[in-house]
Amino acid sequence: MQYFKRLLKKIFKYIQPVGRFIGRFLSPLSLLLVYFFIVIPTGIFLKVLNKDPLNIKISKKKNTYWISRKEEPNFEEQF
């Protein structure tokens, strides 16, 4: 049993830097690809269609940005 423990420690000693090296570059690269191929095209698509899903456009015509609700909330059935 001790033999396997020593063998695995030696293997781990050499594999760990390789894993850290791959992780250091693969994680930012995958996030960069998601940003360029999903986030940016979605933003361009929404601008072309003139959509504002978050309602963040400022309008001079509005007196308030308060959203009125039609029904009263039921606090006893929250979950």
Protein backbone atom coordinates (compact mmCIF):
# COMPACT_ATOMS: atom_id res chain seq x y z
CA MET A 1 0.00 0.00 0.00
CA GLN A 2 2.84 2.38 0.80
CA TYR A 3 4.32 1.70 -2.60
CA PHE A 4 1.18 2.93 -4.37
CA LYS A 5 1.02 5.95 -2.11
CA ARG A 6 4.59 6.96 -2.99
CA LEU A 7 3.99 6.26 -6.68
CA LEU A 8 0.86 8.37 -6.76
CA LYS A 9 2.61 11.23 -4.94
CA LYS A 10 5.34 11.23 -7.60
CA ILE A 11 2.78 11.18 -10.41
CA PHE A 12 0.81 13.96 -8.73
CA LYS A 13 3.98 16.02 -8.34
CA TYR A 14 4.48 16.04 -12.11
CA ILE A 15 0.87 16.30 -13.21
CA GLN A 16 -0.16 19.16 -10.89
CA PRO A 17 1.90 21.89 -12.67
CA VAL A 18 0.57 20.73 -16.02
CA GLY A 19 -3.00 20.99 -14.73
CA ARG A 20 -2.37 24.42 -13.28
CA PHE A 21 -0.83 25.58 -16.56
CA ILE A 22 -3.81 24.32 -18.57
CA GLY A 23 -6.28 25.81 -16.08
CA ARG A 24 -4.56 29.18 -16.11
CA PHE A 25 -5.12 29.56 -19.86
CA LEU A 26 -8.20 27.47 -20.56
CA SER A 27 -10.52 29.22 -18.11
CA PRO A 28 -9.96 32.79 -19.41
CA LEU A 29 -10.01 31.52 -22.98
CA SER A 30 -13.38 29.82 -22.54
CA LEU A 31 -14.84 32.94 -20.89
CA LEU A 32 -13.47 35.09 -23.72
CA LEU A 33 -15.10 32.83 -26.30
CA VAL A 34 -18.45 32.96 -24.49
CA TYR A 35 -18.23 36.74 -24.32
CA PHE A 36 -17.37 37.18 -28.00
CA PHE A 37 -19.76 34.58 -29.40
CA ILE A 38 -22.77 34.96 -27.06
CA VAL A 39 -22.79 38.26 -25.15
CA ILE A 40 -21.66 40.64 -27.91
CA PRO A 41 -23.91 39.19 -30.67
CA THR A 42 -26.89 39.26 -28.29
CA GLY A 43 -26.25 42.94 -27.53
CA ILE A 44 -25.90 43.78 -31.22
CA PHE A 45 -29.08 41.83 -32.04
CA LEU A 46 -31.06 43.68 -29.34
CA LYS A 47 -29.77 47.06 -30.54
CA VAL A 48 -30.71 46.28 -34.13
CA LEU A 49 -34.24 45.32 -33.04
CA ASN A 50 -34.34 48.35 -30.68
CA LYS A 51 -35.25 46.15 -27.69
CA ASP A 52 -34.71 47.13 -24.06
CA PRO A 53 -35.38 44.02 -21.92
CA LEU A 54 -34.14 45.69 -18.71
CA ASN A 55 -36.10 48.92 -19.27
CA ILE A 56 -33.06 51.10 -18.66
CA LYS A 57 -33.71 53.74 -21.32
CA ILE A 58 -34.31 57.17 -19.79
CA SER A 59 -37.47 58.87 -21.01
CA LYS A 60 -38.20 62.57 -20.47
CA LYS A 61 -41.94 61.89 -20.83
CA LYS A 62 -42.20 59.65 -17.76
CA ASN A 63 -42.79 61.17 -14.35
CA THR A 64 -41.73 58.02 -12.51
CA TYR A 65 -40.23 54.65 -13.25
CA TRP A 66 -42.23 52.93 -10.52
CA ILE A 67 -43.95 49.76 -11.75
CA SER A 68 -47.44 49.48 -10.31
CA ARG A 69 -48.67 46.01 -9.46
CA LYS A 70 -52.28 45.00 -9.96
CA GLU A 71 -52.57 42.43 -7.17
CA GLU A 72 -51.49 42.58 -3.56
CA PRO A 73 -48.66 40.25 -2.57
CA ASN A 74 -49.49 37.28 -0.36
CA PHE A 75 -46.72 37.07 2.21
CA GLU A 76 -47.95 33.81 3.69
CA GLU A 77 -47.34 31.85 0.48
CA GLN A 78 -43.89 33.09 -0.41
CA PHE A 79 -42.25 29.75 -0.93
